[in-house]
Amino acid sequence: MKKIIVLCSIVLLLMPFAALGQDFCEGNFDYDRDQDGTDAFTFKTDFGRSGIVDPCPPDGPAPASMTGQTVIYAERDDADLMQGVAWPDPRFTDNGDGTVKDNLTGLFWLKNANCFGARTWDQALSDCNALASGSCGLTDGSTIGAWRLPNVRELFSLIDFGQISPGLPSGHPFSNVQTSSYWSSTTSPITTANAYYVGFNYGFVITNDKSTGAYVLPVCQGH
């Protein structure tokens, strides 16, 4: 009983910091501003893995999201069972600074889905790596190196299999979306001269020669 009371007291003590967005299960923070600065370490060591409660659980599995398909074509098909993580509502947030946040994945995307035109794979990488606030309608304060070409899973996560031309969720806030292929940063393991791209017309994923042209949609981890 004593251990439970002490644990609850510590959790209550740290709640204001959690409310401010501070994750006391990450890093090593000095919550009571003493000299040793090892509060988080001590908390995790003494209580974070207790047999009573686990306030600092390890990262769990990341289940796949729903596809977006809603029309049922056969019993127990995708739309009938609706398996996967449900999409948030709204799915996207237009941040008003040239960026769009995907509320499902937490990724930030460039709102202008055709700032660079059709580019080779190397050019697409360079375009994204050099992107910063002041270009492509961005006013977000981002600096060079913040943006990158998305990997194939990140890019594919945007697809809504209930939509075509473009195959993006209904009501998305992106502008200048091309119903064509968009490069990912992922190289084919079979032919390294090829890379994966995602078709934004209906969501196909294939590889093509890196010297061919495809469109570019930069991504960043957030602000």
Protein backbone atom coordinates (compact mmCIF):
# COMPACT_ATOMS: atom_id res chain seq x y z
CA MET A 1 0.00 0.00 0.00
CA LYS A 2 2.84 2.37 0.84
CA LYS A 3 4.46 1.78 -2.53
CA ILE A 4 1.20 2.51 -4.33
CA ILE A 5 0.75 5.79 -2.44
CA VAL A 6 4.31 6.88 -3.22
CA LEU A 7 3.92 5.97 -6.87
CA CYS A 8 0.64 7.87 -7.17
CA SER A 9 2.25 10.89 -5.51
CA ILE A 10 5.08 10.90 -8.04
CA VAL A 11 2.69 10.54 -10.96
CA LEU A 12 0.57 13.43 -9.64
CA LEU A 13 3.72 15.51 -9.18
CA LEU A 14 4.69 14.96 -12.79
CA MET A 15 1.22 15.44 -14.29
CA PRO A 16 1.65 19.23 -14.83
CA PHE A 17 4.72 18.50 -16.92
CA ALA A 18 2.88 15.89 -18.96
CA ALA A 19 0.10 18.44 -19.51
CA LEU A 20 2.70 20.77 -20.97
CA GLY A 21 3.71 18.11 -23.47
CA GLN A 22 6.71 16.82 -21.52
CA ASP A 23 6.98 13.04 -21.63
CA PHE A 24 8.55 11.99 -18.33
CA CYS A 25 9.26 8.55 -19.80
CA GLU A 26 11.71 10.11 -22.25
CA GLY A 27 15.10 11.60 -21.47
CA ASN A 28 16.45 12.61 -18.08
CA PHE A 29 14.77 15.70 -16.66
CA ASP A 30 15.11 17.61 -13.39
CA TYR A 31 11.51 18.14 -12.35
CA ASP A 32 12.05 19.50 -8.85
CA ARG A 33 15.05 21.62 -9.93
CA ASP A 34 17.44 20.03 -7.45
CA GLN A 35 21.13 19.65 -8.05
CA ASP A 36 21.40 16.05 -9.24
CA GLY A 37 19.04 16.40 -12.20
CA THR A 38 18.26 12.69 -12.24
CA ASP A 39 14.58 12.68 -11.38
CA ALA A 40 13.43 10.98 -14.56
CA PHE A 41 16.14 8.35 -14.32
CA THR A 42 15.26 7.59 -10.71
CA PHE A 43 11.55 7.47 -11.46
CA LYS A 44 12.01 5.03 -14.33
CA THR A 45 14.44 2.89 -12.35
CA ASP A 46 12.36 2.68 -9.16
CA PHE A 47 8.82 2.72 -10.50
CA GLY A 48 8.83 2.63 -14.27
CA ARG A 49 9.05 -1.15 -14.39
CA SER A 50 7.30 -2.11 -11.17
CA GLY A 51 5.07 -5.14 -10.96
CA ILE A 52 2.16 -2.93 -9.91
CA VAL A 53 1.95 -0.53 -12.80
CA ASP A 54 4.04 0.37 -15.82
CA PRO A 55 3.80 4.14 -16.43
CA CYS A 56 6.63 3.95 -18.97
CA PRO A 57 5.63 1.08 -21.26
CA PRO A 58 7.81 0.20 -24.22
CA ASP A 59 6.64 1.25 -27.66
CA GLY A 60 3.88 -1.09 -28.78
CA PRO A 61 2.97 -2.39 -32.23
CA ALA A 62 1.91 -0.01 -34.97
CA PRO A 63 -1.18 -1.59 -36.58
CA ALA A 64 -2.06 -0.69 -40.15
CA SER A 65 -4.69 1.94 -40.81
CA MET A 66 -8.02 1.44 -42.56
CA THR A 67 -7.92 1.69 -46.36
CA GLY A 68 -10.80 4.11 -46.82
CA GLN A 69 -12.85 1.69 -48.92
CA THR A 70 -16.53 1.77 -47.89
CA VAL A 71 -18.35 -0.04 -50.74
CA ILE A 72 -18.93 -3.73 -49.96
CA TYR A 73 -18.40 -6.10 -52.90
CA ALA A 74 -18.44 -9.43 -51.06
CA GLU A 75 -19.13 -10.77 -47.59
CA ARG A 76 -16.21 -10.16 -45.21
CA ASP A 77 -14.27 -8.10 -47.73
CA ASP A 78 -12.34 -4.96 -46.78
CA ALA A 79 -15.30 -2.59 -46.65
CA ASP A 80 -17.45 -5.13 -44.84
CA LEU A 81 -15.01 -5.73 -41.97
CA MET A 82 -13.43 -2.24 -41.88
CA GLN A 83 -10.30 -3.50 -40.16
CA GLY A 84 -7.39 -1.28 -39.18
CA VAL A 85 -6.87 1.92 -37.26
CA ALA A 86 -9.72 4.35 -37.85
CA TRP A 87 -8.83 7.65 -39.46
CA PRO A 88 -9.12 10.76 -37.31
CA ASP A 89 -11.72 13.35 -38.19
CA PRO A 90 -10.54 15.54 -39.73
CA ARG A 91 -7.88 13.43 -41.41
CA PHE A 92 -5.83 16.49 -42.38
CA THR A 93 -5.23 19.93 -40.94
CA ASP A 94 -4.31 22.85 -43.19
CA ASN A 95 -1.84 24.77 -41.01
CA GLY A 96 -2.14 27.96 -43.07
CA ASP A 97 1.62 28.17 -43.61
CA GLY A 98 2.01 26.02 -46.70
CA THR A 99 2.00 22.78 -44.72
CA VAL A 100 -0.61 20.08 -44.17
CA LYS A 101 -0.59 17.85 -41.10
CA ASP A 102 -1.78 14.27 -41.46
CA ASN A 103 -3.57 13.65 -38.17
CA LEU A 104 -3.27 9.88 -38.67
CA THR A 105 0.52 9.67 -38.96
CA GLY A 106 1.58 13.02 -37.50
CA LEU A 107 3.62 13.80 -40.62
CA PHE A 108 3.69 17.28 -42.14
CA TRP A 109 3.41 17.54 -45.93
CA LEU A 110 3.97 20.37 -48.37
CA LYS A 111 0.52 21.66 -49.30
CA ASN A 112 1.54 22.40 -52.89
CA ALA A 113 1.67 18.91 -54.42
CA ASN A 114 3.32 20.15 -57.61
CA CYS A 115 5.86 22.79 -56.73
CA PHE A 116 8.68 21.25 -58.77
CA GLY A 117 7.00 19.59 -61.76
CA ALA A 118 8.10 16.19 -63.08
CA ARG A 119 11.62 15.40 -61.88
CA THR A 120 14.10 12.57 -61.96
CA TRP A 121 14.65 10.69 -58.70
CA ASP A 122 17.96 12.47 -57.99
CA GLN A 123 16.37 15.83 -58.68
CA ALA A 124 13.43 14.96 -56.40
CA LEU A 125 15.82 14.18 -53.56
CA SER A 126 17.69 17.46 -54.10
CA ASP A 127 14.47 19.47 -54.35
CA CYS A 128 13.22 18.15 -51.01
CA ASN A 129 16.55 18.44 -49.21
CA ALA A 130 16.90 22.10 -50.25
CA LEU A 131 13.32 23.11 -49.47
CA ALA A 132 12.84 25.80 -46.82
CA SER A 133 10.43 28.50 -45.74
CA GLY A 134 10.02 31.12 -48.46
CA SER A 135 9.74 28.54 -51.25
CA CYS A 136 6.73 26.64 -52.60
CA GLY A 137 4.33 28.77 -50.55
CA LEU A 138 5.97 27.91 -47.22
CA THR A 139 5.86 30.45 -44.40
CA ASP A 140 6.47 27.92 -41.64
CA GLY A 141 9.98 29.00 -40.66
CA SER A 142 11.52 25.69 -41.78
CA THR A 143 15.18 25.65 -42.76
CA ILE A 144 17.18 23.66 -45.28
CA GLY A 145 17.38 20.04 -44.18
CA ALA A 146 13.99 19.96 -42.45
CA TRP A 147 12.24 18.53 -45.51
CA ARG A 148 12.90 15.27 -47.33
CA LEU A 149 11.53 12.91 -49.96
CA PRO A 150 9.12 10.49 -48.20
CA ASN A 151 9.78 6.77 -48.11
CA VAL A 152 7.32 4.54 -49.93
CA ARG A 153 5.31 3.61 -46.81
CA GLU A 154 4.90 7.26 -45.80
CA LEU A 155 3.78 8.26 -49.29
CA PHE A 156 1.45 5.27 -49.61
CA SER A 157 -0.19 6.15 -46.28
CA LEU A 158 -1.92 9.08 -48.00
CA ILE A 159 -3.90 6.85 -50.36
CA ASP A 160 -7.65 6.40 -49.93
CA PHE A 161 -8.82 3.28 -51.75
CA GLY A 162 -12.34 4.65 -51.84
CA GLN A 163 -11.28 7.51 -54.12
CA ILE A 164 -9.79 7.87 -57.59
CA SER A 165 -8.19 10.70 -59.56
CA PRO A 166 -6.81 11.56 -57.10
CA GLY A 167 -6.77 8.61 -54.74
CA LEU A 168 -6.58 10.85 -51.68
CA PRO A 169 -9.10 11.19 -48.86
CA SER A 170 -12.16 13.25 -49.75
CA GLY A 171 -11.83 16.87 -48.69
CA HIS A 172 -8.03 16.80 -48.52
CA PRO A 173 -6.44 20.28 -48.41
CA PHE A 174 -3.59 19.66 -50.88
CA SER A 175 -3.33 21.91 -53.92
CA ASN A 176 -2.12 21.10 -57.45
CA VAL A 177 -2.39 17.34 -56.94
CA GLN A 178 -1.34 15.41 -60.03
CA THR A 179 -3.19 12.20 -60.89
CA SER A 180 0.11 10.62 -61.80
CA SER A 181 3.14 9.09 -60.07
CA TYR A 182 5.03 10.58 -57.11
CA TRP A 183 8.55 9.55 -56.20
CA SER A 184 9.43 7.93 -52.90
CA SER A 185 12.96 7.84 -51.49
CA THR A 186 12.93 4.02 -51.46
CA THR A 187 15.18 2.21 -53.94
CA SER A 188 14.22 -1.14 -55.46
CA PRO A 189 16.19 -4.04 -53.94
CA ILE A 190 16.02 -5.91 -57.25
CA THR A 191 17.28 -3.17 -59.55
CA THR A 192 18.95 -0.34 -57.69
CA ALA A 193 18.69 1.89 -60.75
CA ASN A 194 14.95 1.92 -59.99
CA ALA A 195 12.97 3.47 -57.14
CA TYR A 196 9.38 3.07 -55.94
CA TYR A 197 6.72 5.55 -56.77
CA VAL A 198 3.05 5.82 -55.86
CA GLY A 199 0.34 6.56 -58.38
CA PHE A 200 -1.97 9.24 -57.05
CA ASN A 201 -4.71 8.33 -59.52
CA TYR A 202 -5.76 5.13 -57.73
CA GLY A 203 -2.90 4.17 -55.41
CA PHE A 204 -0.68 1.72 -57.28
CA VAL A 205 2.92 1.17 -56.15
CA ILE A 206 5.56 0.18 -58.71
CA THR A 207 9.21 0.84 -59.46
CA ASN A 208 10.65 2.75 -62.37
CA ASP A 209 14.01 3.91 -63.61
CA LYS A 210 15.34 6.80 -61.52
CA SER A 211 16.05 8.76 -64.68
CA THR A 212 12.35 9.01 -65.57
CA GLY A 213 10.12 11.86 -64.50
CA ALA A 214 7.64 11.76 -61.61
CA TYR A 215 6.18 14.31 -59.22
CA VAL A 216 7.45 15.34 -55.81
CA LEU A 217 5.65 15.74 -52.46
CA PRO A 218 8.07 16.66 -49.65
CA VAL A 219 7.49 15.60 -46.06
CA CYS A 220 8.88 16.57 -42.67
CA GLN A 221 8.49 15.26 -39.14
CA GLY A 222 6.68 18.33 -37.84
CA HIS A 223 7.39 21.67 -36.25
